Structures are given as C-alpha cells and as structure tokens.
Amino acid sequence: MDCLKIVIEKKESLGELERKIKSNKLLKLADVCNEYYYIVIEDDFIIGIACNSCGMDLEYKFADNDDIVYIGIGEHLLCLDVNSRKICFCKTLPSVFYEILSDSLGCYYVVICELDLYVYKNNNQLWKIGFRDIVIDYELIDDKYIKVLTEGGEETIFSIYDGNVIK
C-alpha cells in the first residue's frame, strides 16, 4: 500500500477557511461550527470542512488501494475518492464519531460512534448497528471480529464481514 500525502491545517474561523478554498469545495456540516479544517490530498485535491467537532479530533484513514479516504469528525463521516477528486458521501451520524479502525489488510473499515457502529468496504456500507447504551470500549480481534462493550456492561462480538453476532 502506497501512502498518499495528506495535509490538514486547522483554521481559526470560517472566514479564514473561506479565503483559502473555493465555495464548491467547502463543506459546512453544522449550523454552529467550532472547528475549521483545510485539507489537501496529493497537492491538488483540496476541501474545507467547517463543523461542530463535539470535542473529538478529526480522524482519517486511507483504504487499502489509497483510492478512498474516510474522514470522521463530530457527527459526520465523509468518504472521498482520491482518483476522481470527488466526495463519495457525507453522512450525518446519529451519534458522535469516536474512531475509525481497519483490518490489517486495509479492506474493512469500522466506524465507531457513541451509540453506533458501521462497517465499510471501499465506499460501501456493509452493515450497521445501533446500541441503547454508550459504547465505552471496542477492539478488532484477528481481523475478523469487532468486540464492543457498552456502558450497561453488555459485551458483544460481531463478525466484521456481515455483522452476525458471534457472542
């Protein structure tokens, strides 16, 4: 897997971000924004993101062939196609984004949120599940399973491939 170059600069305000970016490449993800990001991938794929971060840092992961990059921040998940320089999707999540995990081959991407879990392959969502309690711990096991522990003490192990409950 080749590693693409990505540069992420935090800006102080929406105005500062708008001065650096074309309006059609600026994603304003919330009515009230507290974080502003200027993102450059491979020197010529440029986007701006204005969002409410909900106190979480922006995180990104490149897919196995470096054609796709996932970006999570606040209550949003973006998927960008690096080759075509397009946004595949920009989803509003029902709960706060925590982290993106991937298997060792970089084929499956697990998006962990406060009350939800999503699994993607390429830019396609394979499955998702919501929880009644807050997710407090999680881990990938042997690139095949995702174990989730919720605040209520419920521990569940899912198949990463199809979401079937293993335990």
N, C-alpha and C. Protein backbone atom coordinates (compact mmCIF):
# COMPACT_ATOMS: atom_id res chain seq x y z
N MET A 1 0.85 -1.16 0.00
CA MET A 1 0.00 0.00 0.00
C MET A 1 0.89 1.23 0.00
N ASP A 2 0.76 2.07 -1.03
CA ASP A 2 1.48 3.33 -1.06
C ASP A 2 0.75 4.31 -0.16
N CYS A 3 1.51 5.20 0.43
CA CYS A 3 0.91 6.17 1.32
C CYS A 3 0.77 7.50 0.60
N LEU A 4 -0.44 7.98 0.52
CA LEU A 4 -0.70 9.27 -0.09
C LEU A 4 -0.36 10.38 0.89
N LYS A 5 -0.05 11.51 0.36
CA LYS A 5 0.29 12.67 1.17
C LYS A 5 -1.00 13.43 1.50
N ILE A 6 -1.20 13.68 2.77
CA ILE A 6 -2.35 14.47 3.21
C ILE A 6 -1.84 15.52 4.20
N VAL A 7 -2.34 16.74 4.02
CA VAL A 7 -2.01 17.84 4.91
C VAL A 7 -3.31 18.39 5.45
N ILE A 8 -3.41 18.49 6.77
CA ILE A 8 -4.60 19.02 7.42
C ILE A 8 -4.17 20.22 8.25
N GLU A 9 -4.75 21.37 7.93
CA GLU A 9 -4.47 22.59 8.69
C GLU A 9 -5.74 23.04 9.37
N LYS A 10 -5.65 23.31 10.66
CA LYS A 10 -6.78 23.89 11.39
C LYS A 10 -6.75 25.39 11.16
N LYS A 11 -7.91 25.97 10.90
CA LYS A 11 -8.04 27.41 10.73
C LYS A 11 -8.81 27.97 11.92
N GLU A 12 -8.64 29.26 12.16
CA GLU A 12 -9.25 29.90 13.33
C GLU A 12 -10.73 30.23 13.14
N SER A 13 -11.15 30.43 11.88
CA SER A 13 -12.52 30.88 11.66
C SER A 13 -13.02 30.41 10.29
N LEU A 14 -14.33 30.52 10.12
CA LEU A 14 -14.93 30.19 8.83
C LEU A 14 -14.43 31.15 7.76
N GLY A 15 -14.30 32.42 8.11
CA GLY A 15 -13.80 33.41 7.16
C GLY A 15 -12.41 33.07 6.66
N GLU A 16 -11.52 32.67 7.56
CA GLU A 16 -10.16 32.29 7.17
C GLU A 16 -10.18 31.08 6.24
N LEU A 17 -11.05 30.11 6.54
CA LEU A 17 -11.17 28.92 5.69
C LEU A 17 -11.74 29.30 4.32
N GLU A 18 -12.75 30.14 4.30
CA GLU A 18 -13.37 30.56 3.04
C GLU A 18 -12.38 31.28 2.13
N ARG A 19 -11.45 32.03 2.70
CA ARG A 19 -10.45 32.73 1.90
C ARG A 19 -9.47 31.77 1.22
N LYS A 20 -9.32 30.57 1.77
CA LYS A 20 -8.37 29.59 1.23
C LYS A 20 -9.00 28.59 0.26
N ILE A 21 -10.32 28.55 0.19
CA ILE A 21 -10.98 27.47 -0.52
C ILE A 21 -12.08 27.99 -1.45
N LYS A 22 -12.30 27.30 -2.56
CA LYS A 22 -13.42 27.63 -3.45
C LYS A 22 -14.71 27.21 -2.77
N SER A 23 -15.76 27.96 -2.97
CA SER A 23 -17.03 27.70 -2.27
C SER A 23 -17.59 26.31 -2.56
N ASN A 24 -17.35 25.77 -3.77
CA ASN A 24 -17.88 24.44 -4.07
C ASN A 24 -17.08 23.32 -3.42
N LYS A 25 -15.97 23.65 -2.79
CA LYS A 25 -15.15 22.65 -2.10
C LYS A 25 -15.19 22.83 -0.58
N LEU A 26 -16.12 23.66 -0.11
CA LEU A 26 -16.28 23.90 1.32
C LEU A 26 -17.52 23.18 1.82
N LEU A 27 -17.32 22.30 2.79
CA LEU A 27 -18.43 21.57 3.40
C LEU A 27 -18.72 22.18 4.76
N LYS A 28 -19.86 22.82 4.89
CA LYS A 28 -20.29 23.35 6.19
C LYS A 28 -21.25 22.33 6.76
N LEU A 29 -20.79 21.58 7.76
CA LEU A 29 -21.51 20.41 8.25
C LEU A 29 -22.47 20.69 9.40
N ALA A 30 -22.48 21.92 9.92
CA ALA A 30 -23.36 22.24 11.03
C ALA A 30 -23.72 23.72 10.96
N ASP A 31 -24.85 24.08 11.58
CA ASP A 31 -25.24 25.49 11.64
C ASP A 31 -24.27 26.27 12.53
N VAL A 32 -23.89 25.66 13.64
CA VAL A 32 -22.92 26.27 14.56
C VAL A 32 -21.64 25.46 14.48
N CYS A 33 -20.58 26.09 14.01
CA CYS A 33 -19.29 25.40 13.83
C CYS A 33 -18.26 25.90 14.83
N ASN A 34 -17.42 24.98 15.30
CA ASN A 34 -16.34 25.36 16.21
C ASN A 34 -14.97 24.88 15.74
N GLU A 35 -14.92 24.18 14.61
CA GLU A 35 -13.66 23.70 14.05
C GLU A 35 -13.68 23.93 12.54
N TYR A 36 -12.50 24.29 12.00
CA TYR A 36 -12.38 24.61 10.58
C TYR A 36 -11.11 23.96 10.06
N TYR A 37 -11.26 23.10 9.04
CA TYR A 37 -10.12 22.33 8.53
C TYR A 37 -9.92 22.60 7.04
N TYR A 38 -8.68 22.81 6.69
CA TYR A 38 -8.24 22.95 5.30
C TYR A 38 -7.46 21.68 5.00
N ILE A 39 -7.95 20.87 4.04
CA ILE A 39 -7.38 19.55 3.79
C ILE A 39 -6.88 19.49 2.35
N VAL A 40 -5.62 19.06 2.19
CA VAL A 40 -5.02 18.89 0.87
C VAL A 40 -4.52 17.46 0.76
N ILE A 41 -4.99 16.75 -0.28
CA ILE A 41 -4.56 15.38 -0.54
C ILE A 41 -3.82 15.37 -1.87
N GLU A 42 -2.60 14.88 -1.85
CA GLU A 42 -1.78 14.78 -3.07
C GLU A 42 -1.64 16.11 -3.80
N ASP A 43 -1.49 17.18 -3.05
CA ASP A 43 -1.19 18.53 -3.57
C ASP A 43 -2.29 19.19 -4.38
N ASP A 44 -3.31 18.46 -4.85
CA ASP A 44 -4.29 19.12 -5.70
C ASP A 44 -5.76 18.78 -5.40
N PHE A 45 -6.01 17.90 -4.46
CA PHE A 45 -7.38 17.60 -4.05
C PHE A 45 -7.60 18.36 -2.75
N ILE A 46 -8.33 19.47 -2.84
CA ILE A 46 -8.47 20.39 -1.71
C ILE A 46 -9.93 20.50 -1.32
N ILE A 47 -10.19 20.36 -0.01
CA ILE A 47 -11.53 20.59 0.53
C ILE A 47 -11.40 21.33 1.85
N GLY A 48 -12.47 21.99 2.22
CA GLY A 48 -12.55 22.64 3.52
C GLY A 48 -13.72 22.05 4.28
N ILE A 49 -13.54 21.88 5.58
CA ILE A 49 -14.60 21.35 6.42
C ILE A 49 -14.81 22.30 7.59
N ALA A 50 -16.03 22.77 7.74
CA ALA A 50 -16.45 23.56 8.89
C ALA A 50 -17.46 22.71 9.64
N CYS A 51 -17.22 22.48 10.93
CA CYS A 51 -18.08 21.54 11.66
C CYS A 51 -18.12 21.86 13.15
N ASN A 52 -19.01 21.18 13.83
CA ASN A 52 -19.02 21.15 15.28
C ASN A 52 -18.35 19.85 15.65
N SER A 53 -17.17 19.93 16.24
CA SER A 53 -16.37 18.72 16.49
C SER A 53 -16.86 17.89 17.67
N CYS A 54 -17.76 18.43 18.48
CA CYS A 54 -18.26 17.73 19.68
C CYS A 54 -17.10 17.34 20.61
N GLY A 55 -15.99 18.06 20.52
CA GLY A 55 -14.83 17.80 21.38
C GLY A 55 -13.92 16.69 20.90
N MET A 56 -14.23 16.09 19.76
CA MET A 56 -13.41 15.00 19.22
C MET A 56 -12.51 15.53 18.11
N ASP A 57 -11.34 14.92 17.95
CA ASP A 57 -10.43 15.29 16.88
C ASP A 57 -10.85 14.68 15.56
N LEU A 58 -10.51 15.35 14.47
CA LEU A 58 -10.72 14.80 13.14
C LEU A 58 -9.80 13.59 12.97
N GLU A 59 -10.33 12.55 12.37
CA GLU A 59 -9.52 11.35 12.10
C GLU A 59 -9.76 10.91 10.67
N TYR A 60 -8.72 10.34 10.05
CA TYR A 60 -8.87 9.86 8.68
C TYR A 60 -8.12 8.55 8.52
N LYS A 61 -8.57 7.77 7.53
CA LYS A 61 -7.89 6.52 7.14
C LYS A 61 -8.03 6.36 5.65
N PHE A 62 -6.93 5.95 5.00
CA PHE A 62 -6.95 5.63 3.58
C PHE A 62 -7.32 4.16 3.42
N ALA A 63 -8.13 3.86 2.40
CA ALA A 63 -8.48 2.48 2.09
C ALA A 63 -7.27 1.76 1.51
N ASP A 64 -7.37 0.45 1.37
CA ASP A 64 -6.25 -0.41 1.00
C ASP A 64 -5.52 0.01 -0.27
N ASN A 65 -6.22 0.51 -1.25
CA ASN A 65 -5.57 0.88 -2.51
C ASN A 65 -5.31 2.38 -2.62
N ASP A 66 -5.50 3.11 -1.54
CA ASP A 66 -5.31 4.56 -1.48
C ASP A 66 -6.26 5.33 -2.39
N ASP A 67 -7.29 4.69 -2.92
CA ASP A 67 -8.26 5.38 -3.77
C ASP A 67 -9.31 6.10 -2.94
N ILE A 68 -9.54 5.63 -1.74
CA ILE A 68 -10.61 6.13 -0.88
C ILE A 68 -10.01 6.60 0.44
N VAL A 69 -10.52 7.72 0.95
CA VAL A 69 -10.15 8.16 2.30
C VAL A 69 -11.44 8.43 3.07
N TYR A 70 -11.49 7.91 4.30
CA TYR A 70 -12.60 8.15 5.22
C TYR A 70 -12.15 9.23 6.19
N ILE A 71 -13.05 10.18 6.47
CA ILE A 71 -12.78 11.23 7.44
C ILE A 71 -13.96 11.28 8.40
N GLY A 72 -13.66 11.23 9.70
CA GLY A 72 -14.68 11.32 10.72
C GLY A 72 -14.43 12.51 11.62
N ILE A 73 -15.49 13.25 11.93
CA ILE A 73 -15.39 14.39 12.85
C ILE A 73 -16.79 14.73 13.37
N GLY A 74 -16.89 14.97 14.66
CA GLY A 74 -18.17 15.36 15.25
C GLY A 74 -19.22 14.29 15.02
N GLU A 75 -20.28 14.65 14.33
CA GLU A 75 -21.34 13.70 13.99
C GLU A 75 -21.37 13.46 12.49
N HIS A 76 -20.17 13.43 11.88
CA HIS A 76 -20.11 13.30 10.42
C HIS A 76 -19.05 12.31 9.98
N LEU A 77 -19.37 11.63 8.87
CA LEU A 77 -18.44 10.73 8.22
C LEU A 77 -18.42 11.07 6.75
N LEU A 78 -17.22 11.29 6.22
CA LEU A 78 -17.05 11.60 4.81
C LEU A 78 -16.25 10.50 4.16
N CYS A 79 -16.52 10.27 2.89
CA CYS A 79 -15.75 9.34 2.10
C CYS A 79 -15.37 10.07 0.82
N LEU A 80 -14.06 10.14 0.54
CA LEU A 80 -13.56 10.85 -0.62
C LEU A 80 -12.90 9.88 -1.58
N ASP A 81 -13.15 10.06 -2.88
CA ASP A 81 -12.50 9.29 -3.92
C ASP A 81 -11.31 10.11 -4.39
N VAL A 82 -10.11 9.65 -4.06
CA VAL A 82 -8.89 10.40 -4.35
C VAL A 82 -8.63 10.47 -5.85
N ASN A 83 -8.88 9.40 -6.59
CA ASN A 83 -8.62 9.39 -8.04
C ASN A 83 -9.49 10.38 -8.80
N SER A 84 -10.79 10.37 -8.50
CA SER A 84 -11.70 11.26 -9.23
C SER A 84 -11.83 12.62 -8.57
N ARG A 85 -11.21 12.78 -7.39
CA ARG A 85 -11.25 14.06 -6.66
C ARG A 85 -12.69 14.46 -6.34
N LYS A 86 -13.48 13.47 -5.90
CA LYS A 86 -14.88 13.72 -5.59
C LYS A 86 -15.23 13.22 -4.19
N ILE A 87 -16.30 13.76 -3.68
CA ILE A 87 -16.83 13.32 -2.40
C ILE A 87 -17.84 12.21 -2.69
N CYS A 88 -17.55 10.99 -2.22
CA CYS A 88 -18.46 9.86 -2.42
C CYS A 88 -19.71 10.03 -1.57
N PHE A 89 -19.51 10.38 -0.30
CA PHE A 89 -20.64 10.66 0.56
C PHE A 89 -20.20 11.51 1.74
N CYS A 90 -21.17 12.18 2.31
CA CYS A 90 -21.00 12.96 3.54
C CYS A 90 -22.23 12.66 4.38
N LYS A 91 -22.07 11.81 5.39
CA LYS A 91 -23.21 11.35 6.18
C LYS A 91 -23.22 12.03 7.55
N THR A 92 -24.43 12.39 7.96
CA THR A 92 -24.63 12.83 9.33
C THR A 92 -24.92 11.60 10.15
N LEU A 93 -24.12 11.38 11.17
CA LEU A 93 -24.26 10.21 12.03
C LEU A 93 -25.26 10.50 13.14
N PRO A 94 -25.96 9.49 13.64
CA PRO A 94 -26.92 9.72 14.71
C PRO A 94 -26.28 9.93 16.08
N SER A 95 -24.99 9.65 16.20
CA SER A 95 -24.29 9.90 17.46
C SER A 95 -22.86 10.33 17.14
N VAL A 96 -22.14 10.75 18.16
CA VAL A 96 -20.81 11.34 18.00
C VAL A 96 -19.79 10.30 17.53
N PHE A 97 -19.02 10.67 16.51
CA PHE A 97 -17.95 9.84 15.97
C PHE A 97 -16.83 9.71 16.99
N TYR A 98 -16.30 8.47 17.14
CA TYR A 98 -15.16 8.21 18.02
C TYR A 98 -13.88 7.93 17.23
N GLU A 99 -13.94 6.89 16.37
CA GLU A 99 -12.70 6.41 15.76
C GLU A 99 -13.01 5.54 14.54
N ILE A 100 -12.00 5.44 13.65
CA ILE A 100 -12.07 4.53 12.50
C ILE A 100 -11.00 3.46 12.72
N LEU A 101 -11.42 2.20 12.70
CA LEU A 101 -10.49 1.07 12.80
C LEU A 101 -10.46 0.38 11.45
N SER A 102 -9.36 -0.29 11.14
CA SER A 102 -9.32 -1.09 9.91
C SER A 102 -8.58 -2.38 10.16
N ASP A 103 -8.92 -3.38 9.35
CA ASP A 103 -8.20 -4.66 9.45
C ASP A 103 -6.78 -4.46 8.92
N SER A 104 -5.92 -5.44 9.13
CA SER A 104 -4.50 -5.29 8.77
C SER A 104 -4.28 -5.19 7.27
N LEU A 105 -5.21 -5.67 6.46
CA LEU A 105 -5.09 -5.56 5.00
C LEU A 105 -5.67 -4.26 4.47
N GLY A 106 -6.36 -3.52 5.32
CA GLY A 106 -6.96 -2.27 4.89
C GLY A 106 -8.15 -2.44 3.97
N CYS A 107 -8.90 -3.50 4.18
CA CYS A 107 -10.09 -3.75 3.36
C CYS A 107 -11.38 -3.33 4.05
N TYR A 108 -11.47 -3.58 5.35
CA TYR A 108 -12.68 -3.31 6.12
C TYR A 108 -12.42 -2.14 7.07
N TYR A 109 -13.39 -1.23 7.13
CA TYR A 109 -13.27 -0.04 7.98
C TYR A 109 -14.44 0.00 8.93
N VAL A 110 -14.13 0.02 10.22
CA VAL A 110 -15.13 0.02 11.26
C VAL A 110 -15.19 1.43 11.84
N VAL A 111 -16.35 2.05 11.72
CA VAL A 111 -16.55 3.39 12.24
C VAL A 111 -17.27 3.26 13.57
N ILE A 112 -16.59 3.67 14.62
CA ILE A 112 -17.14 3.57 15.97
C ILE A 112 -17.70 4.94 16.37
N CYS A 113 -18.94 4.93 16.86
CA CYS A 113 -19.58 6.15 17.33
C CYS A 113 -20.07 5.92 18.76
N GLU A 114 -20.55 6.97 19.38
CA GLU A 114 -21.01 6.90 20.76
C GLU A 114 -22.09 5.83 20.95
N LEU A 115 -23.01 5.71 19.98
CA LEU A 115 -24.12 4.76 20.10
C LEU A 115 -24.27 3.85 18.88
N ASP A 116 -23.30 3.89 17.98
CA ASP A 116 -23.46 3.17 16.71
C ASP A 116 -22.13 2.58 16.25
N LEU A 117 -22.26 1.63 15.32
CA LEU A 117 -21.10 1.01 14.69
C LEU A 117 -21.45 0.76 13.23
N TYR A 118 -20.53 1.12 12.33
CA TYR A 118 -20.72 0.94 10.89
C TYR A 118 -19.51 0.21 10.34
N VAL A 119 -19.72 -0.65 9.35
CA VAL A 119 -18.60 -1.32 8.68
C VAL A 119 -18.71 -1.03 7.18
N TYR A 120 -17.56 -0.60 6.62
CA TYR A 120 -17.47 -0.25 5.20
C TYR A 120 -16.40 -1.08 4.52
N LYS A 121 -16.61 -1.31 3.25
CA LYS A 121 -15.59 -1.88 2.38
C LYS A 121 -15.63 -1.03 1.11
N ASN A 122 -14.48 -0.51 0.71
CA ASN A 122 -14.41 0.51 -0.33
C ASN A 122 -15.28 1.67 0.14
N ASN A 123 -16.17 2.17 -0.65
CA ASN A 123 -17.02 3.24 -0.15
C ASN A 123 -18.45 2.76 0.09
N ASN A 124 -18.61 1.46 0.29
CA ASN A 124 -19.92 0.86 0.50
C ASN A 124 -20.11 0.43 1.95
N GLN A 125 -21.24 0.82 2.52
CA GLN A 125 -21.57 0.37 3.87
C GLN A 125 -22.05 -1.07 3.79
N LEU A 126 -21.38 -1.96 4.54
CA LEU A 126 -21.78 -3.37 4.57
C LEU A 126 -22.88 -3.61 5.58
N TRP A 127 -22.72 -3.01 6.77
CA TRP A 127 -23.73 -3.18 7.80
C TRP A 127 -23.55 -2.13 8.88
N LYS A 128 -24.56 -2.00 9.72
CA LYS A 128 -24.50 -1.07 10.84
C LYS A 128 -25.36 -1.60 11.97
N ILE A 129 -25.09 -1.10 13.15
CA ILE A 129 -25.91 -1.45 14.31
C ILE A 129 -25.89 -0.29 15.29
N GLY A 130 -27.01 -0.08 15.95
CA GLY A 130 -27.11 0.93 16.99
C GLY A 130 -27.20 0.26 18.36
N PHE A 131 -26.74 0.97 19.38
CA PHE A 131 -26.76 0.44 20.74
C PHE A 131 -27.63 1.34 21.62
N ARG A 132 -28.23 0.75 22.65
CA ARG A 132 -29.03 1.53 23.60
C ARG A 132 -28.14 2.29 24.58
N ASP A 133 -27.00 1.69 24.90
CA ASP A 133 -26.07 2.31 25.84
C ASP A 133 -24.84 2.83 25.09
N ILE A 134 -24.12 3.72 25.74
CA ILE A 134 -22.92 4.33 25.16
C ILE A 134 -21.82 3.28 25.02
N VAL A 135 -21.15 3.30 23.88
CA VAL A 135 -20.00 2.42 23.64
C VAL A 135 -18.83 2.96 24.46
N ILE A 136 -18.27 2.10 25.34
CA ILE A 136 -17.15 2.55 26.17
C ILE A 136 -15.83 1.87 25.83
N ASP A 137 -15.91 0.73 25.12
CA ASP A 137 -14.68 0.05 24.73
C ASP A 137 -14.97 -0.79 23.49
N TYR A 138 -13.92 -1.01 22.69
CA TYR A 138 -14.06 -1.76 21.45
C TYR A 138 -12.69 -2.19 20.99
N GLU A 139 -12.66 -3.29 20.22
CA GLU A 139 -11.39 -3.73 19.64
C GLU A 139 -11.65 -4.68 18.49
N LEU A 140 -10.75 -4.65 17.51
CA LEU A 140 -10.76 -5.63 16.44
C LEU A 140 -10.05 -6.88 16.92
N ILE A 141 -10.58 -8.03 16.59
CA ILE A 141 -9.97 -9.30 17.00
C ILE A 141 -9.67 -10.10 15.74
N ASP A 142 -8.39 -10.42 15.54
CA ASP A 142 -7.93 -11.28 14.44
C ASP A 142 -8.42 -10.84 13.06
N ASP A 143 -8.65 -9.56 12.87
CA ASP A 143 -9.11 -9.02 11.58
C ASP A 143 -10.45 -9.60 11.14
N LYS A 144 -11.15 -10.32 12.01
CA LYS A 144 -12.41 -10.97 11.63
C LYS A 144 -13.60 -10.51 12.47
N TYR A 145 -13.32 -10.00 13.66
CA TYR A 145 -14.38 -9.69 14.60
C TYR A 145 -14.17 -8.31 15.21
N ILE A 146 -15.29 -7.71 15.64
CA ILE A 146 -15.23 -6.47 16.40
C ILE A 146 -15.97 -6.71 17.71
N LYS A 147 -15.25 -6.47 18.81
CA LYS A 147 -15.84 -6.64 20.14
C LYS A 147 -16.21 -5.25 20.66
N VAL A 148 -17.45 -5.13 21.15
CA VAL A 148 -17.95 -3.85 21.66
C VAL A 148 -18.47 -4.05 23.08
N LEU A 149 -18.06 -3.14 23.97
CA LEU A 149 -18.55 -3.13 25.34
C LEU A 149 -19.30 -1.83 25.54
N THR A 150 -20.54 -1.93 26.05
CA THR A 150 -21.34 -0.73 26.28
C THR A 150 -21.36 -0.39 27.77
N GLU A 151 -21.79 0.83 28.06
CA GLU A 151 -21.83 1.34 29.43
C GLU A 151 -22.66 0.46 30.36
N GLY A 152 -23.67 -0.19 29.81
CA GLY A 152 -24.51 -1.08 30.61
C GLY A 152 -23.87 -2.42 30.91
N GLY A 153 -22.63 -2.64 30.44
CA GLY A 153 -21.90 -3.87 30.71
C GLY A 153 -22.10 -4.95 29.67
N GLU A 154 -22.85 -4.67 28.62
CA GLU A 154 -23.08 -5.67 27.57
C GLU A 154 -21.88 -5.74 26.64
N GLU A 155 -21.33 -6.95 26.50
CA GLU A 155 -20.22 -7.17 25.58
C GLU A 155 -20.72 -8.05 24.44
N THR A 156 -20.50 -7.58 23.20
CA THR A 156 -20.96 -8.30 22.03
C THR A 156 -19.82 -8.40 21.03
N ILE A 157 -19.70 -9.56 20.40
CA ILE A 157 -18.69 -9.76 19.35
C ILE A 157 -19.43 -10.00 18.05
N PHE A 158 -19.08 -9.19 17.04
CA PHE A 158 -19.71 -9.26 15.73
C PHE A 158 -18.70 -9.73 14.69
N SER A 159 -19.18 -10.43 13.68
CA SER A 159 -18.37 -10.73 12.50
C SER A 159 -18.19 -9.42 11.73
N ILE A 160 -16.96 -9.07 11.41
CA ILE A 160 -16.70 -7.83 10.68
C ILE A 160 -17.30 -7.90 9.27
N TYR A 161 -17.42 -9.10 8.72
CA TYR A 161 -17.88 -9.27 7.35
C TYR A 161 -19.36 -9.02 7.15
N ASP A 162 -20.18 -9.49 8.10
CA ASP A 162 -21.64 -9.41 7.88
C ASP A 162 -22.45 -8.94 9.09
N GLY A 163 -21.79 -8.68 10.21
CA GLY A 163 -22.48 -8.20 11.39
C GLY A 163 -23.16 -9.26 12.23
N ASN A 164 -23.00 -10.53 11.86
CA ASN A 164 -23.59 -11.60 12.68
C ASN A 164 -22.98 -11.59 14.07
N VAL A 165 -23.83 -11.81 15.06
CA VAL A 165 -23.36 -11.85 16.45
C VAL A 165 -22.68 -13.19 16.69
N ILE A 166 -21.45 -13.14 17.17
CA ILE A 166 -20.67 -14.34 17.49
C ILE A 166 -20.85 -14.69 18.96
N LYS A 167 -20.89 -13.67 19.80
CA LYS A 167 -21.07 -13.87 21.25
C LYS A 167 -21.77 -12.67 21.84
